[in-house]
Amino acid sequence: MQTAPLFRSVPLRDSLHFGKGTEFEPKKVAEFMQLDRNAVSKIASVAVASVRWDDGEPKAVRERLEEIGAVANMVADIFEGDAAKTALWFRTRNPLLGDIAPRDMIRLGRHDRLRRFIVTAIQEDQA
């Protein structure tokens, strides 16, 4: 069954085991992407001191890491769920991204641009 492009912006499965819904674990995304508290605070536009990994985490931290986790799982879908290949893709400089690694785009606060790039590339590949 062909999926409409509108619905291709979320991963098919949780290959990287970040969890879904209330079971989502933002810390796992930060660890997978090797993002320290400073990077997470920049991405979520919150103070470094407020970055935490319990129920008191700022909503912005959870939302940004959930978005990043979804994108990471979309890439994992391309690599048939292979976490090592997915991690390598995020660490490797990519000429189509201006010769910058996707993980560095995230660190620089360009996660939304990276998300759009990945979603578009997946949609074009599936068309």
N, C-alpha and C. Protein backbone atom coordinates (compact mmCIF):
# COMPACT_ATOMS: atom_id res chain seq x y z
N MET A 1 0.84 -1.18 0.00
CA MET A 1 0.00 0.00 0.00
C MET A 1 0.88 1.24 0.00
N GLN A 2 0.64 2.13 -0.92
CA GLN A 2 1.39 3.37 -1.04
C GLN A 2 0.88 4.38 -0.01
N THR A 3 1.81 5.03 0.68
CA THR A 3 1.45 6.02 1.69
C THR A 3 1.48 7.40 1.07
N ALA A 4 0.48 8.22 1.35
CA ALA A 4 0.43 9.59 0.84
C ALA A 4 1.60 10.38 1.40
N PRO A 5 2.20 11.27 0.60
CA PRO A 5 3.35 12.06 1.06
C PRO A 5 3.12 12.79 2.38
N LEU A 6 1.89 13.22 2.63
CA LEU A 6 1.59 13.93 3.87
C LEU A 6 1.95 13.11 5.11
N PHE A 7 1.87 11.78 5.00
CA PHE A 7 2.10 10.91 6.15
C PHE A 7 3.49 10.30 6.17
N ARG A 8 4.36 10.70 5.28
CA ARG A 8 5.71 10.15 5.23
C ARG A 8 6.69 10.94 6.09
N SER A 9 6.18 11.78 6.97
CA SER A 9 7.06 12.61 7.80
C SER A 9 7.28 12.02 9.19
N VAL A 10 6.83 10.78 9.39
CA VAL A 10 7.07 10.08 10.65
C VAL A 10 7.65 8.70 10.32
N PRO A 11 8.46 8.16 11.22
CA PRO A 11 9.07 6.86 10.95
C PRO A 11 8.05 5.73 10.98
N LEU A 12 8.36 4.66 10.28
CA LEU A 12 7.48 3.50 10.26
C LEU A 12 7.53 2.74 11.58
N ARG A 13 8.70 2.74 12.22
CA ARG A 13 8.87 2.01 13.48
C ARG A 13 9.90 2.70 14.37
N ASP A 14 10.03 2.24 15.58
CA ASP A 14 10.99 2.78 16.54
C ASP A 14 12.24 1.89 16.56
N SER A 15 12.94 1.86 15.44
CA SER A 15 14.11 0.99 15.29
C SER A 15 15.21 1.30 16.29
N LEU A 16 15.31 2.54 16.72
CA LEU A 16 16.40 2.95 17.62
C LEU A 16 15.98 2.89 19.09
N HIS A 17 14.77 2.45 19.35
CA HIS A 17 14.27 2.20 20.71
C HIS A 17 14.29 3.44 21.61
N PHE A 18 13.82 4.57 21.05
CA PHE A 18 13.69 5.79 21.84
C PHE A 18 12.38 5.81 22.63
N GLY A 19 11.45 4.96 22.25
CA GLY A 19 10.14 4.94 22.88
C GLY A 19 9.16 5.83 22.15
N LYS A 20 7.89 5.62 22.44
CA LYS A 20 6.83 6.41 21.81
C LYS A 20 5.87 6.91 22.86
N GLY A 21 5.26 8.05 22.59
CA GLY A 21 4.26 8.59 23.50
C GLY A 21 4.81 8.83 24.90
N THR A 22 4.11 8.33 25.90
CA THR A 22 4.55 8.54 27.28
C THR A 22 5.80 7.72 27.60
N GLU A 23 6.14 6.75 26.75
CA GLU A 23 7.33 5.92 26.96
C GLU A 23 8.58 6.50 26.28
N PHE A 24 8.43 7.65 25.62
CA PHE A 24 9.56 8.28 24.93
C PHE A 24 10.62 8.70 25.95
N GLU A 25 11.89 8.42 25.61
CA GLU A 25 13.02 8.74 26.48
C GLU A 25 13.97 9.72 25.78
N PRO A 26 13.81 11.01 26.05
CA PRO A 26 14.64 12.03 25.39
C PRO A 26 16.14 11.81 25.58
N LYS A 27 16.54 11.31 26.73
CA LYS A 27 17.96 11.10 27.00
C LYS A 27 18.57 10.13 26.00
N LYS A 28 17.82 9.12 25.58
CA LYS A 28 18.33 8.16 24.59
C LYS A 28 18.65 8.84 23.27
N VAL A 29 17.82 9.80 22.88
CA VAL A 29 18.07 10.54 21.64
C VAL A 29 19.34 11.37 21.79
N ALA A 30 19.46 12.08 22.92
CA ALA A 30 20.65 12.90 23.16
C ALA A 30 21.90 12.03 23.16
N GLU A 31 21.84 10.87 23.77
CA GLU A 31 23.00 9.97 23.80
C GLU A 31 23.32 9.44 22.40
N PHE A 32 22.30 9.04 21.66
CA PHE A 32 22.53 8.53 20.30
C PHE A 32 23.19 9.58 19.42
N MET A 33 22.73 10.83 19.54
CA MET A 33 23.28 11.92 18.74
C MET A 33 24.53 12.54 19.36
N GLN A 34 24.91 12.06 20.53
CA GLN A 34 26.07 12.59 21.26
C GLN A 34 25.92 14.09 21.51
N LEU A 35 24.75 14.45 22.00
CA LEU A 35 24.46 15.85 22.32
C LEU A 35 24.62 16.06 23.82
N ASP A 36 25.48 16.99 24.20
CA ASP A 36 25.62 17.30 25.62
C ASP A 36 24.53 18.29 26.04
N ARG A 37 24.49 18.63 27.30
CA ARG A 37 23.44 19.53 27.81
C ARG A 37 23.49 20.90 27.13
N ASN A 38 24.69 21.37 26.80
CA ASN A 38 24.80 22.67 26.11
C ASN A 38 24.12 22.62 24.75
N ALA A 39 24.37 21.55 24.01
CA ALA A 39 23.76 21.41 22.68
C ALA A 39 22.24 21.29 22.80
N VAL A 40 21.77 20.50 23.76
CA VAL A 40 20.33 20.33 23.95
C VAL A 40 19.69 21.65 24.33
N SER A 41 20.36 22.43 25.18
CA SER A 41 19.79 23.73 25.58
C SER A 41 19.67 24.65 24.38
N LYS A 42 20.66 24.61 23.49
CA LYS A 42 20.62 25.46 22.28
C LYS A 42 19.48 25.02 21.36
N ILE A 43 19.37 23.72 21.16
CA ILE A 43 18.35 23.18 20.27
C ILE A 43 16.95 23.52 20.77
N ALA A 44 16.76 23.42 22.09
CA ALA A 44 15.43 23.62 22.68
C ALA A 44 15.19 25.06 23.13
N SER A 45 16.21 25.90 23.01
CA SER A 45 16.11 27.30 23.45
C SER A 45 15.71 27.41 24.92
N VAL A 46 16.41 26.65 25.75
CA VAL A 46 16.20 26.70 27.20
C VAL A 46 17.56 26.87 27.88
N ALA A 47 17.54 27.26 29.14
CA ALA A 47 18.78 27.39 29.90
C ALA A 47 19.42 26.02 30.11
N VAL A 48 20.74 25.97 30.10
CA VAL A 48 21.46 24.73 30.30
C VAL A 48 21.05 24.07 31.61
N ALA A 49 20.88 24.88 32.64
CA ALA A 49 20.52 24.35 33.96
C ALA A 49 19.16 23.65 33.97
N SER A 50 18.29 23.97 33.02
CA SER A 50 16.96 23.35 33.01
C SER A 50 16.92 22.06 32.20
N VAL A 51 18.00 21.71 31.52
CA VAL A 51 18.04 20.46 30.75
C VAL A 51 18.18 19.30 31.74
N ARG A 52 17.17 18.46 31.78
CA ARG A 52 17.16 17.31 32.68
C ARG A 52 16.45 16.16 32.02
N TRP A 53 16.57 14.98 32.63
CA TRP A 53 16.06 13.76 32.00
C TRP A 53 15.02 13.06 32.87
N ASP A 54 14.20 13.81 33.55
CA ASP A 54 13.15 13.21 34.36
C ASP A 54 11.82 13.84 33.97
N ASP A 55 10.80 13.60 34.75
CA ASP A 55 9.48 14.13 34.42
C ASP A 55 9.41 15.65 34.46
N GLY A 56 10.42 16.30 35.05
CA GLY A 56 10.44 17.75 35.13
C GLY A 56 11.15 18.42 33.97
N GLU A 57 11.46 17.67 32.93
CA GLU A 57 12.15 18.26 31.78
C GLU A 57 11.26 19.32 31.14
N PRO A 58 11.87 20.36 30.62
CA PRO A 58 11.07 21.37 29.92
C PRO A 58 10.38 20.77 28.70
N LYS A 59 9.19 21.22 28.43
CA LYS A 59 8.42 20.74 27.29
C LYS A 59 9.20 20.90 25.98
N ALA A 60 9.92 22.01 25.86
CA ALA A 60 10.69 22.27 24.63
C ALA A 60 11.78 21.23 24.42
N VAL A 61 12.41 20.77 25.49
CA VAL A 61 13.45 19.74 25.38
C VAL A 61 12.84 18.47 24.84
N ARG A 62 11.75 18.06 25.45
CA ARG A 62 11.08 16.83 25.03
C ARG A 62 10.62 16.93 23.57
N GLU A 63 10.02 18.04 23.20
CA GLU A 63 9.51 18.20 21.83
C GLU A 63 10.63 18.17 20.80
N ARG A 64 11.71 18.92 21.05
CA ARG A 64 12.81 18.95 20.08
C ARG A 64 13.45 17.58 19.95
N LEU A 65 13.68 16.91 21.07
CA LEU A 65 14.33 15.59 21.01
C LEU A 65 13.39 14.55 20.41
N GLU A 66 12.10 14.72 20.59
CA GLU A 66 11.14 13.81 19.95
C GLU A 66 11.19 14.00 18.43
N GLU A 67 11.27 15.24 17.97
CA GLU A 67 11.40 15.51 16.54
C GLU A 67 12.69 14.91 15.99
N ILE A 68 13.79 15.13 16.70
CA ILE A 68 15.09 14.61 16.26
C ILE A 68 15.08 13.08 16.28
N GLY A 69 14.47 12.50 17.30
CA GLY A 69 14.35 11.05 17.37
C GLY A 69 13.54 10.48 16.22
N ALA A 70 12.47 11.16 15.85
CA ALA A 70 11.65 10.72 14.72
C ALA A 70 12.47 10.74 13.43
N VAL A 71 13.23 11.79 13.24
CA VAL A 71 14.07 11.89 12.04
C VAL A 71 15.13 10.79 12.04
N ALA A 72 15.74 10.55 13.19
CA ALA A 72 16.75 9.49 13.28
C ALA A 72 16.13 8.13 12.95
N ASN A 73 14.91 7.89 13.41
CA ASN A 73 14.24 6.63 13.10
C ASN A 73 13.86 6.54 11.62
N MET A 74 13.56 7.67 11.00
CA MET A 74 13.28 7.66 9.56
C MET A 74 14.53 7.24 8.79
N VAL A 75 15.69 7.77 9.21
CA VAL A 75 16.96 7.38 8.58
C VAL A 75 17.23 5.90 8.87
N ALA A 76 16.95 5.47 10.09
CA ALA A 76 17.13 4.05 10.43
C ALA A 76 16.27 3.16 9.53
N ASP A 77 15.06 3.63 9.20
CA ASP A 77 14.20 2.87 8.29
C ASP A 77 14.90 2.65 6.94
N ILE A 78 15.60 3.67 6.47
CA ILE A 78 16.33 3.55 5.20
C ILE A 78 17.41 2.48 5.31
N PHE A 79 18.06 2.40 6.49
CA PHE A 79 19.13 1.43 6.72
C PHE A 79 18.60 0.14 7.36
N GLU A 80 17.31 -0.15 7.15
CA GLU A 80 16.67 -1.38 7.61
C GLU A 80 16.85 -1.59 9.12
N GLY A 81 16.80 -0.50 9.88
CA GLY A 81 16.87 -0.58 11.34
C GLY A 81 18.27 -0.70 11.91
N ASP A 82 19.29 -0.61 11.08
CA ASP A 82 20.68 -0.77 11.53
C ASP A 82 21.13 0.50 12.27
N ALA A 83 21.23 0.41 13.60
CA ALA A 83 21.59 1.57 14.42
C ALA A 83 23.01 2.05 14.14
N ALA A 84 23.93 1.12 13.89
CA ALA A 84 25.33 1.51 13.63
C ALA A 84 25.43 2.31 12.33
N LYS A 85 24.76 1.86 11.27
CA LYS A 85 24.79 2.59 10.00
C LYS A 85 24.12 3.96 10.15
N THR A 86 23.04 3.98 10.90
CA THR A 86 22.32 5.24 11.12
C THR A 86 23.21 6.22 11.86
N ALA A 87 23.87 5.77 12.91
CA ALA A 87 24.78 6.65 13.67
C ALA A 87 25.92 7.14 12.79
N LEU A 88 26.45 6.25 11.97
CA LEU A 88 27.54 6.65 11.07
C LEU A 88 27.05 7.70 10.08
N TRP A 89 25.84 7.54 9.55
CA TRP A 89 25.31 8.54 8.61
C TRP A 89 25.22 9.90 9.28
N PHE A 90 24.76 9.95 10.52
CA PHE A 90 24.64 11.23 11.22
C PHE A 90 26.00 11.85 11.54
N ARG A 91 27.05 11.03 11.67
CA ARG A 91 28.39 11.55 12.00
C ARG A 91 29.21 11.93 10.77
N THR A 92 28.83 11.45 9.60
CA THR A 92 29.63 11.63 8.38
C THR A 92 29.25 12.90 7.63
N ARG A 93 30.27 13.65 7.24
CA ARG A 93 30.00 14.86 6.45
C ARG A 93 29.32 14.46 5.15
N ASN A 94 28.35 15.28 4.75
CA ASN A 94 27.53 14.98 3.59
C ASN A 94 27.62 16.14 2.60
N PRO A 95 28.09 15.88 1.38
CA PRO A 95 28.22 16.97 0.40
C PRO A 95 26.89 17.63 0.04
N LEU A 96 25.78 16.89 0.16
CA LEU A 96 24.48 17.46 -0.15
C LEU A 96 23.97 18.39 0.96
N LEU A 97 24.67 18.38 2.09
CA LEU A 97 24.31 19.25 3.22
C LEU A 97 25.37 20.33 3.40
N GLY A 98 26.10 20.64 2.35
CA GLY A 98 27.15 21.66 2.45
C GLY A 98 28.41 21.10 3.10
N ASP A 99 28.62 19.81 2.96
CA ASP A 99 29.79 19.12 3.50
C ASP A 99 29.86 19.19 5.02
N ILE A 100 28.71 19.13 5.65
CA ILE A 100 28.62 19.12 7.11
C ILE A 100 27.90 17.83 7.53
N ALA A 101 28.26 17.31 8.67
CA ALA A 101 27.61 16.10 9.17
C ALA A 101 26.21 16.45 9.67
N PRO A 102 25.24 15.57 9.45
CA PRO A 102 23.88 15.83 9.94
C PRO A 102 23.85 16.11 11.46
N ARG A 103 24.65 15.38 12.22
CA ARG A 103 24.69 15.61 13.67
C ARG A 103 25.14 17.03 13.98
N ASP A 104 26.09 17.55 13.19
CA ASP A 104 26.55 18.91 13.41
C ASP A 104 25.47 19.93 13.05
N MET A 105 24.66 19.61 12.04
CA MET A 105 23.54 20.50 11.72
C MET A 105 22.61 20.59 12.93
N ILE A 106 22.37 19.46 13.57
CA ILE A 106 21.52 19.44 14.77
C ILE A 106 22.15 20.29 15.86
N ARG A 107 23.43 20.09 16.10
CA ARG A 107 24.14 20.85 17.14
C ARG A 107 24.10 22.35 16.89
N LEU A 108 24.12 22.73 15.62
CA LEU A 108 24.12 24.15 15.25
C LEU A 108 22.71 24.74 15.25
N GLY A 109 21.73 23.94 15.63
CA GLY A 109 20.36 24.45 15.68
C GLY A 109 19.64 24.39 14.35
N ARG A 110 20.18 23.64 13.40
CA ARG A 110 19.56 23.53 12.07
C ARG A 110 18.79 22.21 11.93
N HIS A 111 18.27 21.70 13.04
CA HIS A 111 17.57 20.42 13.02
C HIS A 111 16.32 20.46 12.15
N ASP A 112 15.64 21.59 12.10
CA ASP A 112 14.42 21.68 11.29
C ASP A 112 14.77 21.63 9.80
N ARG A 113 15.82 22.29 9.43
CA ARG A 113 16.27 22.25 8.03
C ARG A 113 16.67 20.83 7.65
N LEU A 114 17.39 20.15 8.54
CA LEU A 114 17.79 18.77 8.29
C LEU A 114 16.56 17.88 8.17
N ARG A 115 15.58 18.07 9.05
CA ARG A 115 14.34 17.28 8.99
C ARG A 115 13.66 17.44 7.63
N ARG A 116 13.54 18.68 7.18
CA ARG A 116 12.89 18.94 5.88
C ARG A 116 13.67 18.27 4.75
N PHE A 117 14.99 18.34 4.82
CA PHE A 117 15.84 17.73 3.80
C PHE A 117 15.61 16.22 3.77
N ILE A 118 15.61 15.59 4.93
CA ILE A 118 15.44 14.13 5.01
C ILE A 118 14.06 13.72 4.54
N VAL A 119 13.02 14.40 5.02
CA VAL A 119 11.65 14.06 4.62
C VAL A 119 11.49 14.20 3.11
N THR A 120 12.00 15.28 2.54
CA THR A 120 11.92 15.49 1.10
C THR A 120 12.66 14.39 0.33
N ALA A 121 13.85 14.04 0.80
CA ALA A 121 14.64 13.01 0.12
C ALA A 121 13.92 11.66 0.17
N ILE A 122 13.32 11.33 1.28
CA ILE A 122 12.59 10.07 1.42
C ILE A 122 11.36 10.08 0.51
N GLN A 123 10.64 11.20 0.49
CA GLN A 123 9.45 11.28 -0.37
C GLN A 123 9.82 11.17 -1.85
N GLU A 124 10.91 11.81 -2.24
CA GLU A 124 11.34 11.73 -3.64
C GLU A 124 11.78 10.32 -3.98
N ASP A 125 12.42 9.65 -3.05
CA ASP A 125 12.87 8.27 -3.28
C ASP A 125 11.70 7.31 -3.42
N GLN A 126 10.63 7.57 -2.67
CA GLN A 126 9.47 6.69 -2.68
C GLN A 126 8.50 6.99 -3.81
N ALA A 127 8.69 8.13 -4.48
CA ALA A 127 7.77 8.51 -5.55
C ALA A 127 8.00 7.72 -6.82
